[in-house]
Amino acid sequence: MSKSDSLAEHQQALLSYLQDMLTESTDALQSNDKLPVSADEDWKLSPFQALLIDVQGLQLAIPEQQLQSIQLKPKLSVKMENNKPDWLIGSKQQLQIVDTGKIILPSEYQEKQNNSDFIIVISEGKWALDCNKINKVITLSPGLVKWRQQAGNRPWLAGTILEHKCGILNVNALIEQLEVETRNL
């Protein structure tokens, strides 16, 4: 298989995965008129800004209220530990850097080599998500977002934005997932 065929196949797989996310069962999605929100998620009730990023070809939106900073990905010297999750690619001081693709993409859609250039720092500087590209900041109206009622099999997905063909990252759920998976390390 040629390199261009492989790239086309990877792009088609990502398109299929994105389409699956965007057309998820309406039982799990709802508009914001009945949206239950916690105190730390009241930003969902009015227009908000989100940073669009690219993770191995998949576009995600991170609400501005849930990100701390954007940095160039540091050079990492990773000690391979037997009990270290494969998505934990390294650390810089107290910051744990995550291979975002390994968390959010099914294994058949993941790139073999991590070629990310940036990290997005979340969770008060404890976690950073790697990404391939920083796209832009957009303002979103909650009425245009299909919010999830239940976590389902993608707890990190807060909702989808059909207009931008992307998912909104549920940072709190993602952090909880990372914390649970690293608790006993």
C-alpha atoms as a PDB file:
ATOM      1  CA  MET A   1       0.000   0.000   0.000  1.00  0.00           C
ATOM      2  CA  SER A   2       1.389   3.371  -0.974  1.00  0.00           C
ATOM      3  CA  LYS A   3       1.808   6.240   1.482  1.00  0.00           C
ATOM      4  CA  SER A   4      -0.991   8.242  -0.202  1.00  0.00           C
ATOM      5  CA  ASP A   5      -3.346   5.212  -0.018  1.00  0.00           C
ATOM      6  CA  SER A   6      -2.505   4.817   3.673  1.00  0.00           C
ATOM      7  CA  LEU A   7      -3.147   8.511   4.334  1.00  0.00           C
ATOM      8  CA  ALA A   8      -6.456   8.383   2.444  1.00  0.00           C
ATOM      9  CA  GLU A   9      -7.488   5.302   4.433  1.00  0.00           C
ATOM     10  CA  HIS A  10      -6.580   7.035   7.723  1.00  0.00           C
ATOM     11  CA  GLN A  11      -8.547  10.158   6.733  1.00  0.00           C
ATOM     12  CA  GLN A  12     -11.559   8.042   5.746  1.00  0.00           C
ATOM     13  CA  ALA A  13     -11.419   6.201   9.077  1.00  0.00           C
ATOM     14  CA  LEU A  14     -11.311   9.507  10.981  1.00  0.00           C
ATOM     15  CA  LEU A  15     -14.198  10.851   8.903  1.00  0.00           C
ATOM     16  CA  SER A  16     -16.213   7.740   9.735  1.00  0.00           C
ATOM     17  CA  TYR A  17     -15.397   8.092  13.447  1.00  0.00           C
ATOM     18  CA  LEU A  18     -16.325  11.794  13.420  1.00  0.00           C
ATOM     19  CA  GLN A  19     -19.577  11.034  11.607  1.00  0.00           C
ATOM     20  CA  ASP A  20     -20.381   8.435  14.277  1.00  0.00           C
ATOM     21  CA  MET A  21     -19.781  11.040  17.013  1.00  0.00           C
ATOM     22  CA  LEU A  22     -21.866  13.678  15.255  1.00  0.00           C
ATOM     23  CA  THR A  23     -24.817  11.390  14.590  1.00  0.00           C
ATOM     24  CA  GLU A  24     -24.802   9.668  17.966  1.00  0.00           C
ATOM     25  CA  SER A  25     -28.116   8.420  19.273  1.00  0.00           C
ATOM     26  CA  THR A  26     -30.464  11.286  20.098  1.00  0.00           C
ATOM     27  CA  ASP A  27     -31.129   9.619  23.472  1.00  0.00           C
ATOM     28  CA  ALA A  28     -27.677  10.746  24.591  1.00  0.00           C
ATOM     29  CA  LEU A  29     -27.879  14.236  23.056  1.00  0.00           C
ATOM     30  CA  GLN A  30     -30.066  17.232  23.836  1.00  0.00           C
ATOM     31  CA  SER A  31     -30.327  20.948  23.257  1.00  0.00           C
ATOM     32  CA  ASN A  32     -29.526  23.297  26.121  1.00  0.00           C
ATOM     33  CA  ASP A  33     -33.157  24.001  27.131  1.00  0.00           C
ATOM     34  CA  LYS A  34     -33.132  21.011  29.532  1.00  0.00           C
ATOM     35  CA  LEU A  35     -29.397  20.888  30.112  1.00  0.00           C
ATOM     36  CA  PRO A  36     -28.521  19.959  33.707  1.00  0.00           C
ATOM     37  CA  VAL A  37     -25.360  21.818  34.681  1.00  0.00           C
ATOM     38  CA  SER A  38     -23.247  21.838  37.800  1.00  0.00           C
ATOM     39  CA  ALA A  39     -21.941  25.067  39.315  1.00  0.00           C
ATOM     40  CA  ASP A  40     -18.560  24.704  37.576  1.00  0.00           C
ATOM     41  CA  GLU A  41     -20.269  24.211  34.195  1.00  0.00           C
ATOM     42  CA  ASP A  42     -22.623  27.211  34.208  1.00  0.00           C
ATOM     43  CA  TRP A  43     -20.647  28.538  31.216  1.00  0.00           C
ATOM     44  CA  LYS A  44     -22.719  26.104  29.105  1.00  0.00           C
ATOM     45  CA  LEU A  45     -25.803  28.288  29.535  1.00  0.00           C
ATOM     46  CA  SER A  46     -24.619  31.326  27.545  1.00  0.00           C
ATOM     47  CA  PRO A  47     -22.366  31.876  24.518  1.00  0.00           C
ATOM     48  CA  PHE A  48     -18.798  30.779  25.250  1.00  0.00           C
ATOM     49  CA  GLN A  49     -15.443  30.688  23.538  1.00  0.00           C
ATOM     50  CA  ALA A  50     -13.688  27.446  22.694  1.00  0.00           C
ATOM     51  CA  LEU A  51     -10.274  26.618  21.273  1.00  0.00           C
ATOM     52  CA  LEU A  52     -10.380  24.347  18.223  1.00  0.00           C
ATOM     53  CA  ILE A  53      -7.503  21.878  18.103  1.00  0.00           C
ATOM     54  CA  ASP A  54      -6.534  19.032  15.796  1.00  0.00           C
ATOM     55  CA  VAL A  55      -5.711  15.641  17.303  1.00  0.00           C
ATOM     56  CA  GLN A  56      -4.504  13.252  14.603  1.00  0.00           C
ATOM     57  CA  GLY A  57      -7.044  14.648  12.136  1.00  0.00           C
ATOM     58  CA  LEU A  58      -9.965  14.887  14.568  1.00  0.00           C
ATOM     59  CA  GLN A  59     -11.083  18.408  15.468  1.00  0.00           C
ATOM     60  CA  LEU A  60     -11.988  19.059  19.115  1.00  0.00           C
ATOM     61  CA  ALA A  61     -13.211  22.165  20.919  1.00  0.00           C
ATOM     62  CA  ILE A  62     -11.927  22.919  24.420  1.00  0.00           C
ATOM     63  CA  PRO A  63     -14.024  25.477  26.312  1.00  0.00           C
ATOM     64  CA  GLU A  64     -11.862  28.475  27.197  1.00  0.00           C
ATOM     65  CA  GLN A  65     -12.993  28.257  30.843  1.00  0.00           C
ATOM     66  CA  GLN A  66     -11.360  24.836  31.115  1.00  0.00           C
ATOM     67  CA  LEU A  67      -7.925  25.494  29.681  1.00  0.00           C
ATOM     68  CA  GLN A  68      -4.964  27.046  31.397  1.00  0.00           C
ATOM     69  CA  SER A  69      -2.362  27.567  28.670  1.00  0.00           C
ATOM     70  CA  ILE A  70      -1.054  26.542  25.259  1.00  0.00           C
ATOM     71  CA  GLN A  71       2.613  25.613  24.950  1.00  0.00           C
ATOM     72  CA  LEU A  72       5.005  24.094  22.479  1.00  0.00           C
ATOM     73  CA  LYS A  73       5.454  20.444  23.308  1.00  0.00           C
ATOM     74  CA  PRO A  74       8.644  20.115  25.349  1.00  0.00           C
ATOM     75  CA  LYS A  75      11.357  17.613  24.576  1.00  0.00           C
ATOM     76  CA  LEU A  76      10.601  14.725  26.857  1.00  0.00           C
ATOM     77  CA  SER A  77      12.850  12.090  28.275  1.00  0.00           C
ATOM     78  CA  VAL A  78      10.451   9.321  29.093  1.00  0.00           C
ATOM     79  CA  LYS A  79      11.345   6.524  31.439  1.00  0.00           C
ATOM     80  CA  MET A  80       9.433   3.513  30.248  1.00  0.00           C
ATOM     81  CA  GLU A  81       7.818   2.041  33.310  1.00  0.00           C
ATOM     82  CA  ASN A  82       6.039  -1.281  33.212  1.00  0.00           C
ATOM     83  CA  ASN A  83       2.943   0.077  34.926  1.00  0.00           C
ATOM     84  CA  LYS A  84       2.805   3.407  33.032  1.00  0.00           C
ATOM     85  CA  PRO A  85      -0.252   3.732  30.756  1.00  0.00           C
ATOM     86  CA  ASP A  86       0.741   3.935  27.080  1.00  0.00           C
ATOM     87  CA  TRP A  87      -1.100   7.270  26.757  1.00  0.00           C
ATOM     88  CA  LEU A  88       1.129   8.938  29.376  1.00  0.00           C
ATOM     89  CA  ILE A  89       3.997  10.177  27.213  1.00  0.00           C
ATOM     90  CA  GLY A  90       6.009  12.055  29.795  1.00  0.00           C
ATOM     91  CA  SER A  91       6.148  14.748  32.397  1.00  0.00           C
ATOM     92  CA  LYS A  92       7.636  18.169  32.898  1.00  0.00           C
ATOM     93  CA  GLN A  93       7.942  19.079  36.574  1.00  0.00           C
ATOM     94  CA  GLN A  94       4.441  18.291  37.966  1.00  0.00           C
ATOM     95  CA  LEU A  95       2.759  18.382  34.541  1.00  0.00           C
ATOM     96  CA  GLN A  96       1.701  14.977  33.153  1.00  0.00           C
ATOM     97  CA  ILE A  97       1.581  14.987  29.328  1.00  0.00           C
ATOM     98  CA  VAL A  98      -1.041  12.829  27.656  1.00  0.00           C
ATOM     99  CA  ASP A  99      -1.129  11.382  24.128  1.00  0.00           C
ATOM    100  CA  THR A 100      -4.653  12.643  23.477  1.00  0.00           C
ATOM    101  CA  GLY A 101      -5.154  10.412  20.440  1.00  0.00           C
ATOM    102  CA  LYS A 102      -4.663   7.282  22.548  1.00  0.00           C
ATOM    103  CA  ILE A 103      -7.368   8.465  24.940  1.00  0.00           C
ATOM    104  CA  ILE A 104     -10.034   9.634  22.495  1.00  0.00           C
ATOM    105  CA  LEU A 105      -9.479   7.640  19.296  1.00  0.00           C
ATOM    106  CA  PRO A 106     -10.122   3.928  18.854  1.00  0.00           C
ATOM    107  CA  SER A 107      -6.834   2.075  18.342  1.00  0.00           C
ATOM    108  CA  GLU A 108      -7.491   1.434  14.634  1.00  0.00           C
ATOM    109  CA  TYR A 109      -7.659   5.222  14.015  1.00  0.00           C
ATOM    110  CA  GLN A 110      -4.544   6.172  15.991  1.00  0.00           C
ATOM    111  CA  GLU A 111      -1.362   7.199  14.225  1.00  0.00           C
ATOM    112  CA  LYS A 112       1.547   4.854  14.843  1.00  0.00           C
ATOM    113  CA  GLN A 113       3.932   7.680  15.722  1.00  0.00           C
ATOM    114  CA  ASN A 114       3.003  10.686  17.843  1.00  0.00           C
ATOM    115  CA  ASN A 115       3.874  13.807  15.844  1.00  0.00           C
ATOM    116  CA  SER A 116       2.223  16.407  18.039  1.00  0.00           C
ATOM    117  CA  ASP A 117       3.714  19.882  18.316  1.00  0.00           C
ATOM    118  CA  PHE A 118       1.646  21.505  21.083  1.00  0.00           C
ATOM    119  CA  ILE A 119       0.272  20.812  24.533  1.00  0.00           C
ATOM    120  CA  ILE A 120      -2.867  22.270  26.085  1.00  0.00           C
ATOM    121  CA  VAL A 121      -2.512  22.617  29.866  1.00  0.00           C
ATOM    122  CA  ILE A 122      -5.670  21.859  31.858  1.00  0.00           C
ATOM    123  CA  SER A 123      -6.553  20.994  35.444  1.00  0.00           C
ATOM    124  CA  GLU A 124      -4.637  23.745  37.192  1.00  0.00           C
ATOM    125  CA  GLY A 125      -1.398  22.656  35.579  1.00  0.00           C
ATOM    126  CA  LYS A 126      -1.479  18.958  36.473  1.00  0.00           C
ATOM    127  CA  TRP A 127      -2.387  17.580  33.028  1.00  0.00           C
ATOM    128  CA  ALA A 128      -1.553  18.556  29.452  1.00  0.00           C
ATOM    129  CA  LEU A 129      -3.129  17.196  26.270  1.00  0.00           C
ATOM    130  CA  ASP A 130      -0.967  16.971  23.183  1.00  0.00           C
ATOM    131  CA  CYS A 131      -2.322  18.068  19.826  1.00  0.00           C
ATOM    132  CA  ASN A 132      -1.065  18.365  16.264  1.00  0.00           C
ATOM    133  CA  LYS A 133      -2.412  21.803  15.484  1.00  0.00           C
ATOM    134  CA  ILE A 134      -4.021  24.832  17.129  1.00  0.00           C
ATOM    135  CA  ASN A 135      -6.793  25.924  14.778  1.00  0.00           C
ATOM    136  CA  LYS A 136      -8.613  28.973  16.149  1.00  0.00           C
ATOM    137  CA  VAL A 137     -10.844  30.327  18.909  1.00  0.00           C
ATOM    138  CA  ILE A 138     -14.561  30.375  18.142  1.00  0.00           C
ATOM    139  CA  THR A 139     -17.627  31.649  19.987  1.00  0.00           C
ATOM    140  CA  LEU A 140     -20.333  29.030  20.405  1.00  0.00           C
ATOM    141  CA  SER A 141     -23.990  29.485  21.162  1.00  0.00           C
ATOM    142  CA  PRO A 142     -25.238  26.748  23.530  1.00  0.00           C
ATOM    143  CA  GLY A 143     -28.353  26.315  21.366  1.00  0.00           C
ATOM    144  CA  LEU A 144     -26.206  25.112  18.450  1.00  0.00           C
ATOM    145  CA  VAL A 145     -24.494  22.447  20.569  1.00  0.00           C
ATOM    146  CA  LYS A 146     -25.926  18.956  20.866  1.00  0.00           C
ATOM    147  CA  TRP A 147     -25.132  18.320  24.537  1.00  0.00           C
ATOM    148  CA  ARG A 148     -24.837  14.797  25.924  1.00  0.00           C
ATOM    149  CA  GLN A 149     -27.188  13.730  28.710  1.00  0.00           C
ATOM    150  CA  GLN A 150     -25.206  10.617  29.620  1.00  0.00           C
ATOM    151  CA  ALA A 151     -21.502   9.882  29.455  1.00  0.00           C
ATOM    152  CA  GLY A 152     -21.936   6.774  27.298  1.00  0.00           C
ATOM    153  CA  ASN A 153     -18.815   5.134  25.887  1.00  0.00           C
ATOM    154  CA  ARG A 154     -17.079   8.505  25.378  1.00  0.00           C
ATOM    155  CA  PRO A 155     -17.214  10.248  28.777  1.00  0.00           C
ATOM    156  CA  TRP A 156     -14.736  12.876  27.504  1.00  0.00           C
ATOM    157  CA  LEU A 157     -17.306  14.079  24.928  1.00  0.00           C
ATOM    158  CA  ALA A 158     -19.545  16.885  26.296  1.00  0.00           C
ATOM    159  CA  GLY A 159     -21.370  17.420  23.025  1.00  0.00           C
ATOM    160  CA  THR A 160     -20.992  17.989  19.316  1.00  0.00           C
ATOM    161  CA  ILE A 161     -21.090  21.018  17.063  1.00  0.00           C
ATOM    162  CA  LEU A 162     -22.391  20.064  13.651  1.00  0.00           C
ATOM    163  CA  GLU A 163     -21.465  23.413  12.065  1.00  0.00           C
ATOM    164  CA  HIS A 164     -17.773  22.930  12.891  1.00  0.00           C
ATOM    165  CA  LYS A 165     -17.822  19.115  12.646  1.00  0.00           C
ATOM    166  CA  CYS A 166     -16.185  18.647  16.008  1.00  0.00           C
ATOM    167  CA  GLY A 167     -16.726  17.396  19.507  1.00  0.00           C
ATOM    168  CA  ILE A 168     -16.581  19.520  22.655  1.00  0.00           C
ATOM    169  CA  LEU A 169     -14.202  18.097  25.211  1.00  0.00           C
ATOM    170  CA  ASN A 170     -15.611  17.441  28.686  1.00  0.00           C
ATOM    171  CA  VAL A 171     -12.417  18.353  30.522  1.00  0.00           C
ATOM    172  CA  ASN A 172     -13.738  17.376  33.975  1.00  0.00           C
ATOM    173  CA  ALA A 173     -14.722  13.885  32.806  1.00  0.00           C
ATOM    174  CA  LEU A 174     -11.404  13.447  31.001  1.00  0.00           C
ATOM    175  CA  ILE A 175      -9.437  14.470  34.098  1.00  0.00           C
ATOM    176  CA  GLU A 176     -11.478  12.055  36.192  1.00  0.00           C
ATOM    177  CA  GLN A 177     -10.667   9.272  33.713  1.00  0.00           C
ATOM    178  CA  LEU A 178      -6.933  10.123  33.808  1.00  0.00           C
ATOM    179  CA  GLU A 179      -6.913  10.309  37.612  1.00  0.00           C
ATOM    180  CA  VAL A 180      -8.634   6.931  37.956  1.00  0.00           C
ATOM    181  CA  GLU A 181      -6.243   5.260  35.516  1.00  0.00           C
ATOM    182  CA  THR A 182      -3.143   6.649  37.246  1.00  0.00           C
ATOM    183  CA  ARG A 183      -4.282   6.437  40.861  1.00  0.00           C
ATOM    184  CA  ASN A 184      -2.361   3.262  41.643  1.00  0.00           C
ATOM    185  CA  LEU A 185       0.870   4.042  39.784  1.00  0.00           C
END
